[in-house]
Amino acid sequence: EKYFPFISVLFSFILFSNLIGLIPYSFTVTSHLIVTFTLSLAVFIGVNIICIKRYKFHMLSLFIPANTSFGLALLLVPIEFVSYIFKPISLGVRLFANLMAGHTLLKVIVGFAWSMLLLEDFLSFAHVFPLLVLVILMGLELAVALIQAYVFTILTCIYLNDSINLH
């Protein structure tokens, strides 16, 4: 409720950036690694600021699961710390990789269809098949654009919930 405006703006920005990228000859902001890393790092820093502001040094209990013995804690704390540090990296790479893969696939299919259209024999009529595949892939890319915005937002909400409630 308190963070809803931030979450809704984040979802809208990612969704519209993804959808604008589906328009031919347009620029997809979220298919660049620096943009997705910046978004995920901003979320990560914001979540940490909220957690530190709320719990101070008790925030470090995020790295020690409840009812853990000292010997097991020596093993689990580094693992939890590394997984915590890699949260923004995985958040950014997930968005980047899924969008980049889809856009690359669309460009390859368009190039293939264009090459078949330029043939001057009977095979030039076969370019209809790659165009049909392209229409199907555009529908799939539309779904991926929506799903990736949803996944990024849901993971942001999960990270925010972890920082507010400490497990």
C-alpha atoms as a PDB file:
ATOM      1  CA  GLU A   1       0.000   0.000   0.000  1.00  0.00           C
ATOM      2  CA  LYS A   2       2.807   2.426   0.855  1.00  0.00           C
ATOM      3  CA  TYR A   3       4.995   1.361  -2.060  1.00  0.00           C
ATOM      4  CA  PHE A   4       2.227   0.876  -4.634  1.00  0.00           C
ATOM      5  CA  PRO A   5       3.047   4.044  -6.634  1.00  0.00           C
ATOM      6  CA  PHE A   6       6.660   2.945  -7.059  1.00  0.00           C
ATOM      7  CA  ILE A   7       5.665  -0.603  -8.019  1.00  0.00           C
ATOM      8  CA  SER A   8       3.043   0.584 -10.515  1.00  0.00           C
ATOM      9  CA  VAL A   9       5.428   3.071 -12.151  1.00  0.00           C
ATOM     10  CA  LEU A  10       8.101   0.359 -12.383  1.00  0.00           C
ATOM     11  CA  PHE A  11       5.637  -2.074 -13.989  1.00  0.00           C
ATOM     12  CA  SER A  12       4.353   0.573 -16.408  1.00  0.00           C
ATOM     13  CA  PHE A  13       7.849   1.669 -17.427  1.00  0.00           C
ATOM     14  CA  ILE A  14       9.024  -1.876 -18.123  1.00  0.00           C
ATOM     15  CA  LEU A  15       5.805  -2.862 -19.890  1.00  0.00           C
ATOM     16  CA  PHE A  16       5.697   0.185 -22.160  1.00  0.00           C
ATOM     17  CA  SER A  17       9.406  -0.049 -22.897  1.00  0.00           C
ATOM     18  CA  ASN A  18       8.924  -3.677 -23.898  1.00  0.00           C
ATOM     19  CA  LEU A  19       5.854  -2.914 -26.017  1.00  0.00           C
ATOM     20  CA  ILE A  20       7.484   0.036 -27.780  1.00  0.00           C
ATOM     21  CA  GLY A  21      10.286  -2.318 -28.746  1.00  0.00           C
ATOM     22  CA  LEU A  22       7.819  -4.446 -30.705  1.00  0.00           C
ATOM     23  CA  ILE A  23       7.086  -1.588 -33.104  1.00  0.00           C
ATOM     24  CA  PRO A  24       9.291  -1.964 -36.199  1.00  0.00           C
ATOM     25  CA  TYR A  25      12.308   0.368 -36.352  1.00  0.00           C
ATOM     26  CA  SER A  26      11.862   1.436 -32.740  1.00  0.00           C
ATOM     27  CA  PHE A  27      14.372   1.264 -29.911  1.00  0.00           C
ATOM     28  CA  THR A  28      13.931  -1.192 -27.054  1.00  0.00           C
ATOM     29  CA  VAL A  29      15.335   0.332 -23.886  1.00  0.00           C
ATOM     30  CA  THR A  30      14.970  -2.801 -21.785  1.00  0.00           C
ATOM     31  CA  SER A  31      16.945  -4.979 -24.183  1.00  0.00           C
ATOM     32  CA  HIS A  32      20.145  -3.249 -23.094  1.00  0.00           C
ATOM     33  CA  LEU A  33      22.060  -4.599 -20.160  1.00  0.00           C
ATOM     34  CA  ILE A  34      22.960  -1.241 -18.635  1.00  0.00           C
ATOM     35  CA  VAL A  35      19.308  -0.200 -18.388  1.00  0.00           C
ATOM     36  CA  THR A  36      18.138  -3.434 -16.787  1.00  0.00           C
ATOM     37  CA  PHE A  37      21.104  -3.428 -14.377  1.00  0.00           C
ATOM     38  CA  THR A  38      20.364   0.170 -13.439  1.00  0.00           C
ATOM     39  CA  LEU A  39      16.723  -0.672 -12.747  1.00  0.00           C
ATOM     40  CA  SER A  40      17.567  -3.738 -10.695  1.00  0.00           C
ATOM     41  CA  LEU A  41      20.355  -1.961  -8.804  1.00  0.00           C
ATOM     42  CA  ALA A  42      18.010   0.928  -7.987  1.00  0.00           C
ATOM     43  CA  VAL A  43      15.462  -1.542  -6.631  1.00  0.00           C
ATOM     44  CA  PHE A  44      18.163  -3.352  -4.642  1.00  0.00           C
ATOM     45  CA  ILE A  45      19.545  -0.149  -3.117  1.00  0.00           C
ATOM     46  CA  GLY A  46      16.054   1.085  -2.303  1.00  0.00           C
ATOM     47  CA  VAL A  47      15.101  -2.189  -0.634  1.00  0.00           C
ATOM     48  CA  ASN A  48      18.296  -2.126   1.424  1.00  0.00           C
ATOM     49  CA  ILE A  49      17.709   1.467   2.496  1.00  0.00           C
ATOM     50  CA  ILE A  50      14.191   0.564   3.624  1.00  0.00           C
ATOM     51  CA  CYS A  51      15.469  -2.470   5.533  1.00  0.00           C
ATOM     52  CA  ILE A  52      18.339  -0.602   7.216  1.00  0.00           C
ATOM     53  CA  LYS A  53      16.082   2.313   8.112  1.00  0.00           C
ATOM     54  CA  ARG A  54      13.560  -0.034   9.678  1.00  0.00           C
ATOM     55  CA  TYR A  55      15.748  -2.618  11.435  1.00  0.00           C
ATOM     56  CA  LYS A  56      19.250  -1.086  11.713  1.00  0.00           C
ATOM     57  CA  PHE A  57      21.781  -3.864  12.516  1.00  0.00           C
ATOM     58  CA  HIS A  58      19.044  -6.440  13.024  1.00  0.00           C
ATOM     59  CA  MET A  59      18.871  -6.478   9.220  1.00  0.00           C
ATOM     60  CA  LEU A  60      21.819  -8.869   9.260  1.00  0.00           C
ATOM     61  CA  SER A  61      19.445 -11.581  10.472  1.00  0.00           C
ATOM     62  CA  LEU A  62      18.507 -11.939   6.793  1.00  0.00           C
ATOM     63  CA  PHE A  63      21.698 -13.948   6.368  1.00  0.00           C
ATOM     64  CA  ILE A  64      21.130 -16.357   9.273  1.00  0.00           C
ATOM     65  CA  PRO A  65      18.105 -18.662   9.048  1.00  0.00           C
ATOM     66  CA  ALA A  66      16.128 -19.115  12.269  1.00  0.00           C
ATOM     67  CA  ASN A  67      17.201 -21.825  14.751  1.00  0.00           C
ATOM     68  CA  THR A  68      20.562 -22.395  13.081  1.00  0.00           C
ATOM     69  CA  SER A  69      23.466 -23.796  15.062  1.00  0.00           C
ATOM     70  CA  PHE A  70      26.766 -21.906  15.104  1.00  0.00           C
ATOM     71  CA  GLY A  71      28.569 -24.496  12.978  1.00  0.00           C
ATOM     72  CA  LEU A  72      25.859 -24.477  10.342  1.00  0.00           C
ATOM     73  CA  ALA A  73      25.673 -20.670  10.462  1.00  0.00           C
ATOM     74  CA  LEU A  74      29.367 -20.505   9.517  1.00  0.00           C
ATOM     75  CA  LEU A  75      28.465 -22.371   6.335  1.00  0.00           C
ATOM     76  CA  LEU A  76      25.123 -20.702   5.586  1.00  0.00           C
ATOM     77  CA  VAL A  77      26.013 -17.037   6.132  1.00  0.00           C
ATOM     78  CA  PRO A  78      28.452 -16.818   3.166  1.00  0.00           C
ATOM     79  CA  ILE A  79      25.994 -18.686   0.942  1.00  0.00           C
ATOM     80  CA  GLU A  80      23.115 -16.398   1.956  1.00  0.00           C
ATOM     81  CA  PHE A  81      25.307 -13.321   1.513  1.00  0.00           C
ATOM     82  CA  VAL A  82      26.371 -14.318  -1.996  1.00  0.00           C
ATOM     83  CA  SER A  83      22.788 -15.115  -2.991  1.00  0.00           C
ATOM     84  CA  TYR A  84      21.686 -11.752  -1.587  1.00  0.00           C
ATOM     85  CA  ILE A  85      24.369  -9.895  -3.559  1.00  0.00           C
ATOM     86  CA  PHE A  86      23.402 -11.687  -6.783  1.00  0.00           C
ATOM     87  CA  LYS A  87      19.724 -10.684  -6.542  1.00  0.00           C
ATOM     88  CA  PRO A  88      20.094  -7.492  -8.597  1.00  0.00           C
ATOM     89  CA  ILE A  89      22.327  -9.244 -11.117  1.00  0.00           C
ATOM     90  CA  SER A  90      19.812 -12.019 -11.715  1.00  0.00           C
ATOM     91  CA  LEU A  91      16.941  -9.526 -11.836  1.00  0.00           C
ATOM     92  CA  GLY A  92      18.646  -7.436 -14.504  1.00  0.00           C
ATOM     93  CA  VAL A  93      19.999 -10.320 -16.577  1.00  0.00           C
ATOM     94  CA  ARG A  94      16.625 -12.087 -16.616  1.00  0.00           C
ATOM     95  CA  LEU A  95      14.887  -9.084 -18.161  1.00  0.00           C
ATOM     96  CA  PHE A  96      17.734  -8.358 -20.578  1.00  0.00           C
ATOM     97  CA  ALA A  97      18.224 -11.932 -21.791  1.00  0.00           C
ATOM     98  CA  ASN A  98      14.571 -12.687 -22.428  1.00  0.00           C
ATOM     99  CA  LEU A  99      13.981  -9.508 -24.394  1.00  0.00           C
ATOM    100  CA  MET A 100      17.228  -9.697 -26.321  1.00  0.00           C
ATOM    101  CA  ALA A 101      16.615 -13.324 -27.314  1.00  0.00           C
ATOM    102  CA  GLY A 102      13.120 -12.566 -28.577  1.00  0.00           C
ATOM    103  CA  HIS A 103      14.189  -9.517 -30.552  1.00  0.00           C
ATOM    104  CA  THR A 104      17.114 -11.366 -32.077  1.00  0.00           C
ATOM    105  CA  LEU A 105      14.840 -14.228 -33.130  1.00  0.00           C
ATOM    106  CA  LEU A 106      12.420 -11.786 -34.768  1.00  0.00           C
ATOM    107  CA  LYS A 107      15.257 -10.119 -36.694  1.00  0.00           C
ATOM    108  CA  VAL A 108      16.552 -13.469 -37.934  1.00  0.00           C
ATOM    109  CA  ILE A 109      13.104 -14.563 -39.140  1.00  0.00           C
ATOM    110  CA  VAL A 110      12.503 -11.193 -40.852  1.00  0.00           C
ATOM    111  CA  GLY A 111      15.872 -11.474 -42.606  1.00  0.00           C
ATOM    112  CA  PHE A 112      15.051 -15.006 -43.694  1.00  0.00           C
ATOM    113  CA  ALA A 113      11.634 -13.967 -45.041  1.00  0.00           C
ATOM    114  CA  TRP A 114      13.174 -11.000 -46.870  1.00  0.00           C
ATOM    115  CA  SER A 115      15.841 -13.208 -48.449  1.00  0.00           C
ATOM    116  CA  MET A 116      13.205 -15.645 -49.649  1.00  0.00           C
ATOM    117  CA  LEU A 117      11.128 -12.794 -51.093  1.00  0.00           C
ATOM    118  CA  LEU A 118      14.075 -11.595 -53.164  1.00  0.00           C
ATOM    119  CA  LEU A 119      14.413 -14.982 -54.890  1.00  0.00           C
ATOM    120  CA  GLU A 120      13.259 -14.775 -58.492  1.00  0.00           C
ATOM    121  CA  ASP A 121      11.989 -18.278 -58.960  1.00  0.00           C
ATOM    122  CA  PHE A 122       9.096 -20.306 -57.621  1.00  0.00           C
ATOM    123  CA  LEU A 123      10.606 -20.333 -54.100  1.00  0.00           C
ATOM    124  CA  SER A 124       9.825 -16.630 -53.700  1.00  0.00           C
ATOM    125  CA  PHE A 125       6.214 -17.620 -52.976  1.00  0.00           C
ATOM    126  CA  ALA A 126       7.438 -19.704 -50.047  1.00  0.00           C
ATOM    127  CA  HIS A 127       8.266 -16.524 -48.110  1.00  0.00           C
ATOM    128  CA  VAL A 128       4.705 -16.661 -46.780  1.00  0.00           C
ATOM    129  CA  PHE A 129       5.690 -19.417 -44.353  1.00  0.00           C
ATOM    130  CA  PRO A 130       8.353 -17.354 -42.522  1.00  0.00           C
ATOM    131  CA  LEU A 131       5.910 -14.446 -42.415  1.00  0.00           C
ATOM    132  CA  LEU A 132       3.307 -16.650 -40.719  1.00  0.00           C
ATOM    133  CA  VAL A 133       5.953 -17.788 -38.244  1.00  0.00           C
ATOM    134  CA  LEU A 134       6.797 -14.120 -37.693  1.00  0.00           C
ATOM    135  CA  VAL A 135       3.170 -13.288 -36.859  1.00  0.00           C
ATOM    136  CA  ILE A 136       3.069 -16.131 -34.346  1.00  0.00           C
ATOM    137  CA  LEU A 137       6.386 -15.000 -32.839  1.00  0.00           C
ATOM    138  CA  MET A 138       5.090 -11.427 -32.546  1.00  0.00           C
ATOM    139  CA  GLY A 139       2.231 -12.775 -30.443  1.00  0.00           C
ATOM    140  CA  LEU A 140       4.748 -14.673 -28.353  1.00  0.00           C
ATOM    141  CA  GLU A 141       6.887 -11.536 -27.967  1.00  0.00           C
ATOM    142  CA  LEU A 142       3.828  -9.620 -26.846  1.00  0.00           C
ATOM    143  CA  ALA A 143       3.268 -12.225 -24.147  1.00  0.00           C
ATOM    144  CA  VAL A 144       6.957 -12.143 -23.177  1.00  0.00           C
ATOM    145  CA  ALA A 145       6.822  -8.343 -22.859  1.00  0.00           C
ATOM    146  CA  LEU A 146       3.914  -8.599 -20.445  1.00  0.00           C
ATOM    147  CA  ILE A 147       5.305 -11.566 -18.517  1.00  0.00           C
ATOM    148  CA  GLN A 148       8.752 -10.005 -18.061  1.00  0.00           C
ATOM    149  CA  ALA A 149       7.268  -6.788 -16.708  1.00  0.00           C
ATOM    150  CA  TYR A 150       5.147  -8.890 -14.360  1.00  0.00           C
ATOM    151  CA  VAL A 151       8.104 -11.048 -13.219  1.00  0.00           C
ATOM    152  CA  PHE A 152      10.326  -8.030 -12.571  1.00  0.00           C
ATOM    153  CA  THR A 153       7.563  -6.387 -10.559  1.00  0.00           C
ATOM    154  CA  ILE A 154       6.708  -9.525  -8.577  1.00  0.00           C
ATOM    155  CA  LEU A 155      10.360 -10.120  -7.692  1.00  0.00           C
ATOM    156  CA  THR A 156      10.643  -6.481  -6.619  1.00  0.00           C
ATOM    157  CA  CYS A 157       7.604  -7.012  -4.371  1.00  0.00           C
ATOM    158  CA  ILE A 158       9.156 -10.169  -2.920  1.00  0.00           C
ATOM    159  CA  TYR A 159      12.439  -8.372  -2.190  1.00  0.00           C
ATOM    160  CA  LEU A 160      10.501  -5.497  -0.654  1.00  0.00           C
ATOM    161  CA  ASN A 161       8.477  -7.890   1.493  1.00  0.00           C
ATOM    162  CA  ASP A 162      11.662  -9.601   2.691  1.00  0.00           C
ATOM    163  CA  SER A 163      13.132  -6.269   3.710  1.00  0.00           C
ATOM    164  CA  ILE A 164       9.996  -5.153   5.525  1.00  0.00           C
ATOM    165  CA  ASN A 165       9.256  -8.423   7.333  1.00  0.00           C
ATOM    166  CA  LEU A 166      12.758 -10.008   7.636  1.00  0.00           C
ATOM    167  CA  HIS A 167      11.686 -13.481   6.551  1.00  0.00           C
END
